[in-house]
Amino acid sequence: SGLLCFAEKEINTGMLVSFKLTIPSDKSSLTVPCEGIVLKCD
């Protein structure tokens, strides 16, 4: 259901964000586009 990441810059709670995740494998990797809402920024 979600992602935890660390950043040097704050992102406001409630912001709609998009990003790509890379799923590695032995032969190649898969890049998956994702979007989500920032629930917390501590």
PDB file of all heavy atoms in Angstrom:
ATOM      1  N   SER A   1       0.788  -1.237   0.000  1.00  0.00           N
ATOM      2  CA  SER A   1       0.000   0.000   0.000  1.00  0.00           C
ATOM      3  C   SER A   1       0.818   1.284   0.000  1.00  0.00           C
ATOM      4  O   SER A   1       0.259   2.366  -0.172  1.00  0.00           O
ATOM      5  CB  SER A   1      -0.947   0.019   1.199  1.00  0.00           C
ATOM      6  OG  SER A   1      -0.208  -0.026   2.405  1.00  0.00           O
ATOM      7  N   GLY A   2       2.152   1.198   0.199  1.00  0.00           N
ATOM      8  CA  GLY A   2       2.881   2.456   0.261  1.00  0.00           C
ATOM      9  C   GLY A   2       4.388   2.323   0.286  1.00  0.00           C
ATOM     10  O   GLY A   2       4.949   1.231   0.193  1.00  0.00           O
ATOM     11  N   LEU A   3       5.005   3.502   0.429  1.00  0.00           N
ATOM     12  CA  LEU A   3       6.457   3.632   0.353  1.00  0.00           C
ATOM     13  C   LEU A   3       6.939   4.548   1.466  1.00  0.00           C
ATOM     14  O   LEU A   3       6.297   5.561   1.757  1.00  0.00           O
ATOM     15  CB  LEU A   3       6.820   4.256  -1.006  1.00  0.00           C
ATOM     16  CG  LEU A   3       8.261   4.686  -1.236  1.00  0.00           C
ATOM     17  CD1 LEU A   3       9.148   3.456  -1.414  1.00  0.00           C
ATOM     18  CD2 LEU A   3       8.350   5.580  -2.465  1.00  0.00           C
ATOM     19  N   LEU A   4       8.063   4.181   2.082  1.00  0.00           N
ATOM     20  CA  LEU A   4       8.751   5.059   3.024  1.00  0.00           C
ATOM     21  C   LEU A   4      10.075   5.429   2.385  1.00  0.00           C
ATOM     22  O   LEU A   4      10.836   4.556   1.956  1.00  0.00           O
ATOM     23  CB  LEU A   4       9.000   4.362   4.360  1.00  0.00           C
ATOM     24  CG  LEU A   4       9.896   5.113   5.359  1.00  0.00           C
ATOM     25  CD1 LEU A   4       9.281   6.450   5.779  1.00  0.00           C
ATOM     26  CD2 LEU A   4      10.179   4.243   6.578  1.00  0.00           C
ATOM     27  N   CYS A   5      10.340   6.737   2.300  1.00  0.00           N
ATOM     28  CA  CYS A   5      11.608   7.193   1.753  1.00  0.00           C
ATOM     29  C   CYS A   5      12.141   8.348   2.593  1.00  0.00           C
ATOM     30  O   CYS A   5      11.432   8.912   3.423  1.00  0.00           O
ATOM     31  CB  CYS A   5      11.465   7.590   0.283  1.00  0.00           C
ATOM     32  SG  CYS A   5      10.209   8.818  -0.058  1.00  0.00           S
ATOM     33  N   PHE A   6      13.414   8.681   2.375  1.00  0.00           N
ATOM     34  CA  PHE A   6      14.083   9.752   3.102  1.00  0.00           C
ATOM     35  C   PHE A   6      14.525  10.804   2.101  1.00  0.00           C
ATOM     36  O   PHE A   6      15.051  10.480   1.033  1.00  0.00           O
ATOM     37  CB  PHE A   6      15.307   9.202   3.844  1.00  0.00           C
ATOM     38  CG  PHE A   6      16.092  10.253   4.568  1.00  0.00           C
ATOM     39  CD1 PHE A   6      15.714  10.663   5.830  1.00  0.00           C
ATOM     40  CD2 PHE A   6      17.193  10.846   3.969  1.00  0.00           C
ATOM     41  CE1 PHE A   6      16.432  11.641   6.505  1.00  0.00           C
ATOM     42  CE2 PHE A   6      17.926  11.819   4.625  1.00  0.00           C
ATOM     43  CZ  PHE A   6      17.534  12.226   5.894  1.00  0.00           C
ATOM     44  N   ALA A   7      14.306  12.081   2.430  1.00  0.00           N
ATOM     45  CA  ALA A   7      14.718  13.188   1.561  1.00  0.00           C
ATOM     46  C   ALA A   7      15.299  14.309   2.394  1.00  0.00           C
ATOM     47  O   ALA A   7      15.000  14.437   3.582  1.00  0.00           O
ATOM     48  CB  ALA A   7      13.519  13.700   0.762  1.00  0.00           C
ATOM     49  N   GLU A   8      16.116  15.117   1.759  1.00  0.00           N
ATOM     50  CA  GLU A   8      16.662  16.291   2.430  1.00  0.00           C
ATOM     51  C   GLU A   8      15.671  17.453   2.423  1.00  0.00           C
ATOM     52  O   GLU A   8      15.816  18.383   3.191  1.00  0.00           O
ATOM     53  CB  GLU A   8      17.980  16.705   1.769  1.00  0.00           C
ATOM     54  CG  GLU A   8      19.089  15.690   1.993  1.00  0.00           C
ATOM     55  CD  GLU A   8      20.395  16.108   1.354  1.00  0.00           C
ATOM     56  OE1 GLU A   8      20.470  17.204   0.772  1.00  0.00           O
ATOM     57  OE2 GLU A   8      21.356  15.326   1.453  1.00  0.00           O
ATOM     58  N   LYS A   9      14.674  17.369   1.536  1.00  0.00           N
ATOM     59  CA  LYS A   9      13.670  18.425   1.435  1.00  0.00           C
ATOM     60  C   LYS A   9      12.317  17.912   1.908  1.00  0.00           C
ATOM     61  O   LYS A   9      11.972  16.750   1.707  1.00  0.00           O
ATOM     62  CB  LYS A   9      13.549  18.916  -0.004  1.00  0.00           C
ATOM     63  CG  LYS A   9      14.816  19.565  -0.496  1.00  0.00           C
ATOM     64  CD  LYS A   9      14.634  20.129  -1.879  1.00  0.00           C
ATOM     65  CE  LYS A   9      15.936  20.772  -2.331  1.00  0.00           C
ATOM     66  NZ  LYS A   9      15.791  21.478  -3.584  1.00  0.00           N
ATOM     67  N   GLU A  10      11.552  18.806   2.499  1.00  0.00           N
ATOM     68  CA  GLU A  10      10.212  18.476   2.989  1.00  0.00           C
ATOM     69  C   GLU A  10       9.216  18.442   1.835  1.00  0.00           C
ATOM     70  O   GLU A  10       9.320  19.227   0.880  1.00  0.00           O
ATOM     71  CB  GLU A  10       9.785  19.535   4.008  1.00  0.00           C
ATOM     72  CG  GLU A  10       8.449  19.279   4.633  1.00  0.00           C
ATOM     73  CD  GLU A  10       8.107  20.303   5.700  1.00  0.00           C
ATOM     74  OE1 GLU A  10       8.762  21.363   5.767  1.00  0.00           O
ATOM     75  OE2 GLU A  10       7.176  20.041   6.468  1.00  0.00           O
ATOM     76  N   ILE A  11       8.279  17.515   1.905  1.00  0.00           N
ATOM     77  CA  ILE A  11       7.147  17.471   0.979  1.00  0.00           C
ATOM     78  C   ILE A  11       5.890  17.586   1.826  1.00  0.00           C
ATOM     79  O   ILE A  11       5.711  16.833   2.786  1.00  0.00           O
ATOM     80  CB  ILE A  11       7.127  16.170   0.148  1.00  0.00           C
ATOM     81  CG1 ILE A  11       8.406  16.023  -0.673  1.00  0.00           C
ATOM     82  CG2 ILE A  11       5.907  16.158  -0.761  1.00  0.00           C
ATOM     83  CD1 ILE A  11       8.495  14.728  -1.466  1.00  0.00           C
ATOM     84  N   ASN A  12       5.033  18.507   1.477  1.00  0.00           N
ATOM     85  CA  ASN A  12       3.833  18.764   2.276  1.00  0.00           C
ATOM     86  C   ASN A  12       2.890  17.567   2.313  1.00  0.00           C
ATOM     87  O   ASN A  12       2.658  16.921   1.277  1.00  0.00           O
ATOM     88  CB  ASN A  12       3.075  19.976   1.740  1.00  0.00           C
ATOM     89  CG  ASN A  12       3.844  21.264   1.937  1.00  0.00           C
ATOM     90  OD1 ASN A  12       4.671  21.376   2.847  1.00  0.00           O
ATOM     91  ND2 ASN A  12       3.579  22.232   1.094  1.00  0.00           N
ATOM     92  N   THR A  13       2.343  17.295   3.474  1.00  0.00           N
ATOM     93  CA  THR A  13       1.334  16.257   3.642  1.00  0.00           C
ATOM     94  C   THR A  13       0.139  16.583   2.747  1.00  0.00           C
ATOM     95  O   THR A  13      -0.245  17.737   2.617  1.00  0.00           O
ATOM     96  CB  THR A  13       0.887  16.196   5.122  1.00  0.00           C
ATOM     97  OG1 THR A  13       2.036  15.915   5.926  1.00  0.00           O
ATOM     98  CG2 THR A  13      -0.151  15.131   5.347  1.00  0.00           C
ATOM     99  N   GLY A  14      -0.406  15.552   2.115  1.00  0.00           N
ATOM    100  CA  GLY A  14      -1.556  15.723   1.236  1.00  0.00           C
ATOM    101  C   GLY A  14      -1.202  15.939  -0.225  1.00  0.00           C
ATOM    102  O   GLY A  14      -2.077  15.907  -1.083  1.00  0.00           O
ATOM    103  N   MET A  15       0.091  16.148  -0.516  1.00  0.00           N
ATOM    104  CA  MET A  15       0.515  16.369  -1.906  1.00  0.00           C
ATOM    105  C   MET A  15       0.377  15.086  -2.723  1.00  0.00           C
ATOM    106  O   MET A  15       0.712  14.004  -2.245  1.00  0.00           O
ATOM    107  CB  MET A  15       1.992  16.798  -1.965  1.00  0.00           C
ATOM    108  CG  MET A  15       2.310  18.145  -1.421  1.00  0.00           C
ATOM    109  SD  MET A  15       2.044  19.522  -2.545  1.00  0.00           S
ATOM    110  CE  MET A  15       2.863  19.057  -4.036  1.00  0.00           C
ATOM    111  N   LEU A  16      -0.094  15.233  -3.951  1.00  0.00           N
ATOM    112  CA  LEU A  16      -0.108  14.130  -4.900  1.00  0.00           C
ATOM    113  C   LEU A  16       1.258  14.109  -5.581  1.00  0.00           C
ATOM    114  O   LEU A  16       1.713  15.135  -6.093  1.00  0.00           O
ATOM    115  CB  LEU A  16      -1.210  14.321  -5.936  1.00  0.00           C
ATOM    116  CG  LEU A  16      -1.332  13.232  -7.000  1.00  0.00           C
ATOM    117  CD1 LEU A  16      -1.693  11.893  -6.363  1.00  0.00           C
ATOM    118  CD2 LEU A  16      -2.361  13.627  -8.029  1.00  0.00           C
ATOM    119  N   VAL A  17       1.929  12.973  -5.543  1.00  0.00           N
ATOM    120  CA  VAL A  17       3.271  12.850  -6.105  1.00  0.00           C
ATOM    121  C   VAL A  17       3.307  11.687  -7.089  1.00  0.00           C
ATOM    122  O   VAL A  17       2.486  10.781  -7.024  1.00  0.00           O
ATOM    123  CB  VAL A  17       4.338  12.649  -4.998  1.00  0.00           C
ATOM    124  CG1 VAL A  17       4.395  13.850  -4.074  1.00  0.00           C
ATOM    125  CG2 VAL A  17       4.079  11.385  -4.199  1.00  0.00           C
ATOM    126  N   SER A  18       4.270  11.742  -7.990  1.00  0.00           N
ATOM    127  CA  SER A  18       4.486  10.614  -8.902  1.00  0.00           C
ATOM    128  C   SER A  18       5.969  10.275  -8.894  1.00  0.00           C
ATOM    129  O   SER A  18       6.817  11.120  -8.602  1.00  0.00           O
ATOM    130  CB  SER A  18       3.992  10.938 -10.308  1.00  0.00           C
ATOM    131  OG  SER A  18       4.662  12.051 -10.835  1.00  0.00           O
ATOM    132  N   PHE A  19       6.268   9.026  -9.214  1.00  0.00           N
ATOM    133  CA  PHE A  19       7.648   8.533  -9.189  1.00  0.00           C
ATOM    134  C   PHE A  19       7.703   7.213  -9.932  1.00  0.00           C
ATOM    135  O   PHE A  19       6.667   6.641 -10.293  1.00  0.00           O
ATOM    136  CB  PHE A  19       8.147   8.364  -7.746  1.00  0.00           C
ATOM    137  CG  PHE A  19       7.230   7.555  -6.878  1.00  0.00           C
ATOM    138  CD1 PHE A  19       7.444   6.199  -6.690  1.00  0.00           C
ATOM    139  CD2 PHE A  19       6.147   8.144  -6.248  1.00  0.00           C
ATOM    140  CE1 PHE A  19       6.602   5.449  -5.890  1.00  0.00           C
ATOM    141  CE2 PHE A  19       5.292   7.404  -5.440  1.00  0.00           C
ATOM    142  CZ  PHE A  19       5.521   6.055  -5.259  1.00  0.00           C
ATOM    143  N   LYS A  20       8.911   6.745 -10.181  1.00  0.00           N
ATOM    144  CA  LYS A  20       9.115   5.460 -10.838  1.00  0.00           C
ATOM    145  C   LYS A  20       9.952   4.573  -9.934  1.00  0.00           C
ATOM    146  O   LYS A  20      10.942   5.020  -9.369  1.00  0.00           O
ATOM    147  CB  LYS A  20       9.812   5.648 -12.178  1.00  0.00           C
ATOM    148  CG  LYS A  20       8.955   6.394 -13.174  1.00  0.00           C
ATOM    149  CD  LYS A  20       9.682   6.620 -14.460  1.00  0.00           C
ATOM    150  CE  LYS A  20       8.781   7.412 -15.401  1.00  0.00           C
ATOM    151  NZ  LYS A  20       9.481   7.846 -16.594  1.00  0.00           N
ATOM    152  N   LEU A  21       9.535   3.331  -9.808  1.00  0.00           N
ATOM    153  CA  LEU A  21      10.284   2.339  -9.041  1.00  0.00           C
ATOM    154  C   LEU A  21      10.945   1.373 -10.017  1.00  0.00           C
ATOM    155  O   LEU A  21      10.352   1.000 -11.025  1.00  0.00           O
ATOM    156  CB  LEU A  21       9.360   1.564  -8.106  1.00  0.00           C
ATOM    157  CG  LEU A  21       8.718   2.355  -6.975  1.00  0.00           C
ATOM    158  CD1 LEU A  21       7.706   1.498  -6.242  1.00  0.00           C
ATOM    159  CD2 LEU A  21       9.772   2.867  -6.025  1.00  0.00           C
ATOM    160  N   THR A  22      12.153   0.977  -9.698  1.00  0.00           N
ATOM    161  CA  THR A  22      12.867   0.009 -10.523  1.00  0.00           C
ATOM    162  C   THR A  22      12.890  -1.332  -9.814  1.00  0.00           C
ATOM    163  O   THR A  22      13.301  -1.420  -8.650  1.00  0.00           O
ATOM    164  CB  THR A  22      14.304   0.486 -10.799  1.00  0.00           C
ATOM    165  OG1 THR A  22      14.238   1.749 -11.453  1.00  0.00           O
ATOM    166  CG2 THR A  22      15.051  -0.503 -11.673  1.00  0.00           C
ATOM    167  N   ILE A  23      12.438  -2.354 -10.519  1.00  0.00           N
ATOM    168  CA  ILE A  23      12.425  -3.704  -9.973  1.00  0.00           C
ATOM    169  C   ILE A  23      13.509  -4.490 -10.717  1.00  0.00           C
ATOM    170  O   ILE A  23      13.356  -4.782 -11.909  1.00  0.00           O
ATOM    171  CB  ILE A  23      11.042  -4.359 -10.131  1.00  0.00           C
ATOM    172  CG1 ILE A  23       9.999  -3.502  -9.420  1.00  0.00           C
ATOM    173  CG2 ILE A  23      11.067  -5.791  -9.602  1.00  0.00           C
ATOM    174  CD1 ILE A  23       8.579  -3.888  -9.698  1.00  0.00           C
ATOM    175  N   PRO A  24      14.613  -4.782 -10.027  1.00  0.00           N
ATOM    176  CA  PRO A  24      15.726  -5.465 -10.702  1.00  0.00           C
ATOM    177  C   PRO A  24      15.464  -6.964 -10.857  1.00  0.00           C
ATOM    178  O   PRO A  24      14.710  -7.559 -10.090  1.00  0.00           O
ATOM    179  CB  PRO A  24      16.902  -5.213  -9.762  1.00  0.00           C
ATOM    180  CG  PRO A  24      16.288  -5.023  -8.419  1.00  0.00           C
ATOM    181  CD  PRO A  24      14.917  -4.432  -8.656  1.00  0.00           C
ATOM    182  N   SER A  25      16.088  -7.528 -11.860  1.00  0.00           N
ATOM    183  CA  SER A  25      16.087  -8.984 -12.016  1.00  0.00           C
ATOM    184  C   SER A  25      17.428  -9.387 -12.605  1.00  0.00           C
ATOM    185  O   SER A  25      18.252  -8.538 -12.929  1.00  0.00           O
ATOM    186  CB  SER A  25      14.928  -9.437 -12.919  1.00  0.00           C
ATOM    187  OG  SER A  25      15.188  -9.107 -14.259  1.00  0.00           O
ATOM    188  N   ASP A  26      17.653 -10.674 -12.770  1.00  0.00           N
ATOM    189  CA  ASP A  26      18.931 -11.164 -13.282  1.00  0.00           C
ATOM    190  C   ASP A  26      19.203 -10.710 -14.719  1.00  0.00           C
ATOM    191  O   ASP A  26      20.321 -10.350 -15.061  1.00  0.00           O
ATOM    192  CB  ASP A  26      18.982 -12.694 -13.226  1.00  0.00           C
ATOM    193  CG  ASP A  26      19.045 -13.199 -11.798  1.00  0.00           C
ATOM    194  OD1 ASP A  26      19.458 -12.427 -10.904  1.00  0.00           O
ATOM    195  OD2 ASP A  26      18.684 -14.363 -11.581  1.00  0.00           O
ATOM    196  N   LYS A  27      18.184 -10.706 -15.567  1.00  0.00           N
ATOM    197  CA  LYS A  27      18.373 -10.401 -16.980  1.00  0.00           C
ATOM    198  C   LYS A  27      18.182  -8.926 -17.310  1.00  0.00           C
ATOM    199  O   LYS A  27      18.845  -8.388 -18.179  1.00  0.00           O
ATOM    200  CB  LYS A  27      17.417 -11.239 -17.816  1.00  0.00           C
ATOM    201  CG  LYS A  27      17.692 -12.724 -17.712  1.00  0.00           C
ATOM    202  CD  LYS A  27      16.744 -13.523 -18.542  1.00  0.00           C
ATOM    203  CE  LYS A  27      17.018 -15.006 -18.368  1.00  0.00           C
ATOM    204  NZ  LYS A  27      16.076 -15.820 -19.090  1.00  0.00           N
ATOM    205  N   SER A  28      17.255  -8.291 -16.669  1.00  0.00           N
ATOM    206  CA  SER A  28      16.983  -6.876 -16.931  1.00  0.00           C
ATOM    207  C   SER A  28      16.228  -6.303 -15.737  1.00  0.00           C
ATOM    208  O   SER A  28      16.013  -6.974 -14.748  1.00  0.00           O
ATOM    209  CB  SER A  28      16.163  -6.710 -18.209  1.00  0.00           C
ATOM    210  OG  SER A  28      14.886  -7.285 -18.042  1.00  0.00           O
ATOM    211  N   SER A  29      15.820  -5.069 -15.854  1.00  0.00           N
ATOM    212  CA  SER A  29      15.030  -4.484 -14.780  1.00  0.00           C
ATOM    213  C   SER A  29      13.750  -3.912 -15.364  1.00  0.00           C
ATOM    214  O   SER A  29      13.659  -3.636 -16.559  1.00  0.00           O
ATOM    215  CB  SER A  29      15.821  -3.410 -14.042  1.00  0.00           C
ATOM    216  OG  SER A  29      16.184  -2.383 -14.923  1.00  0.00           O
ATOM    217  N   LEU A  30      12.774  -3.730 -14.516  1.00  0.00           N
ATOM    218  CA  LEU A  30      11.472  -3.216 -14.901  1.00  0.00           C
ATOM    219  C   LEU A  30      11.258  -1.906 -14.170  1.00  0.00           C
ATOM    220  O   LEU A  30      11.459  -1.828 -12.954  1.00  0.00           O
ATOM    221  CB  LEU A  30      10.384  -4.230 -14.518  1.00  0.00           C
ATOM    222  CG  LEU A  30       8.937  -3.809 -14.700  1.00  0.00           C
ATOM    223  CD1 LEU A  30       8.629  -3.650 -16.181  1.00  0.00           C
ATOM    224  CD2 LEU A  30       8.025  -4.860 -14.087  1.00  0.00           C
ATOM    225  N   THR A  31      10.868  -0.864 -14.900  1.00  0.00           N
ATOM    226  CA  THR A  31      10.562   0.419 -14.287  1.00  0.00           C
ATOM    227  C   THR A  31       9.054   0.592 -14.274  1.00  0.00           C
ATOM    228  O   THR A  31       8.396   0.475 -15.315  1.00  0.00           O
ATOM    229  CB  THR A  31      11.241   1.565 -15.061  1.00  0.00           C
ATOM    230  OG1 THR A  31      12.651   1.346 -15.042  1.00  0.00           O
ATOM    231  CG2 THR A  31      10.943   2.901 -14.418  1.00  0.00           C
ATOM    232  N   VAL A  32       8.508   0.857 -13.080  1.00  0.00           N
ATOM    233  CA  VAL A  32       7.075   0.938 -12.891  1.00  0.00           C
ATOM    234  C   VAL A  32       6.680   2.352 -12.469  1.00  0.00           C
ATOM    235  O   VAL A  32       7.153   2.843 -11.440  1.00  0.00           O
ATOM    236  CB  VAL A  32       6.619  -0.068 -11.798  1.00  0.00           C
ATOM    237  CG1 VAL A  32       5.123  -0.035 -11.622  1.00  0.00           C
ATOM    238  CG2 VAL A  32       7.097  -1.465 -12.124  1.00  0.00           C
ATOM    239  N   PRO A  33       5.825   3.026 -13.259  1.00  0.00           N
ATOM    240  CA  PRO A  33       5.360   4.353 -12.850  1.00  0.00           C
ATOM    241  C   PRO A  33       4.343   4.228 -11.718  1.00  0.00           C
ATOM    242  O   PRO A  33       3.490   3.336 -11.742  1.00  0.00           O
ATOM    243  CB  PRO A  33       4.724   4.928 -14.113  1.00  0.00           C
ATOM    244  CG  PRO A  33       4.349   3.741 -14.929  1.00  0.00           C
ATOM    245  CD  PRO A  33       5.310   2.634 -14.561  1.00  0.00           C
ATOM    246  N   CYS A  34       4.448   5.107 -10.719  1.00  0.00           N
ATOM    247  CA  CYS A  34       3.562   5.057  -9.556  1.00  0.00           C
ATOM    248  C   CYS A  34       3.127   6.475  -9.179  1.00  0.00           C
ATOM    249  O   CYS A  34       3.784   7.449  -9.525  1.00  0.00           O
ATOM    250  CB  CYS A  34       4.280   4.453  -8.351  1.00  0.00           C
ATOM    251  SG  CYS A  34       4.867   2.780  -8.596  1.00  0.00           S
ATOM    252  N   GLU A  35       2.047   6.550  -8.448  1.00  0.00           N
ATOM    253  CA  GLU A  35       1.654   7.818  -7.852  1.00  0.00           C
ATOM    254  C   GLU A  35       1.075   7.550  -6.478  1.00  0.00           C
ATOM    255  O   GLU A  35       0.656   6.436  -6.166  1.00  0.00           O
ATOM    256  CB  GLU A  35       0.680   8.592  -8.731  1.00  0.00           C
ATOM    257  CG  GLU A  35      -0.704   8.045  -8.806  1.00  0.00           C
ATOM    258  CD  GLU A  35      -1.653   8.969  -9.575  1.00  0.00           C
ATOM    259  OE1 GLU A  35      -1.207   9.741 -10.434  1.00  0.00           O
ATOM    260  OE2 GLU A  35      -2.849   8.904  -9.290  1.00  0.00           O
ATOM    261  N   GLY A  36       1.093   8.589  -5.651  1.00  0.00           N
ATOM    262  CA  GLY A  36       0.582   8.434  -4.301  1.00  0.00           C
ATOM    263  C   GLY A  36       0.369   9.775  -3.636  1.00  0.00           C
ATOM    264  O   GLY A  36       0.662  10.831  -4.204  1.00  0.00           O
ATOM    265  N   ILE A  37      -0.140   9.708  -2.444  1.00  0.00           N
ATOM    266  CA  ILE A  37      -0.395  10.895  -1.630  1.00  0.00           C
ATOM    267  C   ILE A  37       0.513  10.835  -0.412  1.00  0.00           C
ATOM    268  O   ILE A  37       0.625   9.794   0.237  1.00  0.00           O
ATOM    269  CB  ILE A  37      -1.869  10.958  -1.193  1.00  0.00           C
ATOM    270  CG1 ILE A  37      -2.752  11.123  -2.433  1.00  0.00           C
ATOM    271  CG2 ILE A  37      -2.108  12.091  -0.202  1.00  0.00           C
ATOM    272  CD1 ILE A  37      -4.230  11.103  -2.155  1.00  0.00           C
ATOM    273  N   VAL A  38       1.154  11.954  -0.100  1.00  0.00           N
ATOM    274  CA  VAL A  38       2.030  12.025   1.063  1.00  0.00           C
ATOM    275  C   VAL A  38       1.167  12.015   2.325  1.00  0.00           C
ATOM    276  O   VAL A  38       0.363  12.925   2.543  1.00  0.00           O
ATOM    277  CB  VAL A  38       2.920  13.291   1.019  1.00  0.00           C
ATOM    278  CG1 VAL A  38       3.763  13.400   2.280  1.00  0.00           C
ATOM    279  CG2 VAL A  38       3.800  13.273  -0.224  1.00  0.00           C
ATOM    280  N   LEU A  39       1.309  10.952   3.117  1.00  0.00           N
ATOM    281  CA  LEU A  39       0.548  10.828   4.361  1.00  0.00           C
ATOM    282  C   LEU A  39       1.239  11.516   5.531  1.00  0.00           C
ATOM    283  O   LEU A  39       0.590  12.088   6.404  1.00  0.00           O
ATOM    284  CB  LEU A  39       0.323   9.360   4.725  1.00  0.00           C
ATOM    285  CG  LEU A  39      -0.563   8.543   3.806  1.00  0.00           C
ATOM    286  CD1 LEU A  39      -0.695   7.126   4.349  1.00  0.00           C
ATOM    287  CD2 LEU A  39      -1.923   9.179   3.660  1.00  0.00           C
ATOM    288  N   LYS A  40       2.584  11.412   5.560  1.00  0.00           N
ATOM    289  CA  LYS A  40       3.379  12.010   6.645  1.00  0.00           C
ATOM    290  C   LYS A  40       4.716  12.451   6.117  1.00  0.00           C
ATOM    291  O   LYS A  40       5.257  11.850   5.193  1.00  0.00           O
ATOM    292  CB  LYS A  40       3.628  10.987   7.768  1.00  0.00           C
ATOM    293  CG  LYS A  40       2.497  10.764   8.715  1.00  0.00           C
ATOM    294  CD  LYS A  40       2.868   9.719   9.737  1.00  0.00           C
ATOM    295  CE  LYS A  40       3.361  10.378  10.994  1.00  0.00           C
ATOM    296  NZ  LYS A  40       3.638   9.444  12.073  1.00  0.00           N
ATOM    297  N   CYS A  41       5.239  13.484   6.732  1.00  0.00           N
ATOM    298  CA  CYS A  41       6.590  13.950   6.426  1.00  0.00           C
ATOM    299  C   CYS A  41       7.186  14.397   7.758  1.00  0.00           C
ATOM    300  O   CYS A  41       6.873  15.479   8.256  1.00  0.00           O
ATOM    301  CB  CYS A  41       6.546  15.081   5.411  1.00  0.00           C
ATOM    302  SG  CYS A  41       8.177  15.620   4.869  1.00  0.00           S
ATOM    303  N   ASP A  42       7.990  13.532   8.361  1.00  0.00           N
ATOM    304  CA  ASP A  42       8.543  13.770   9.695  1.00  0.00           C
ATOM    305  C   ASP A  42      10.009  14.160   9.601  1.00  0.00           C
ATOM    306  O   ASP A  42      10.804  13.483   8.942  1.00  0.00           O
ATOM    307  CB  ASP A  42       8.426  12.514  10.561  1.00  0.00           C
ATOM    308  CG  ASP A  42       6.983  12.143  10.856  1.00  0.00           C
ATOM    309  OD1 ASP A  42       6.142  13.054  10.964  1.00  0.00           O
ATOM    310  OD2 ASP A  42       6.711  10.931  10.983  1.00  0.00           O
TER     311      ASP A  42
END
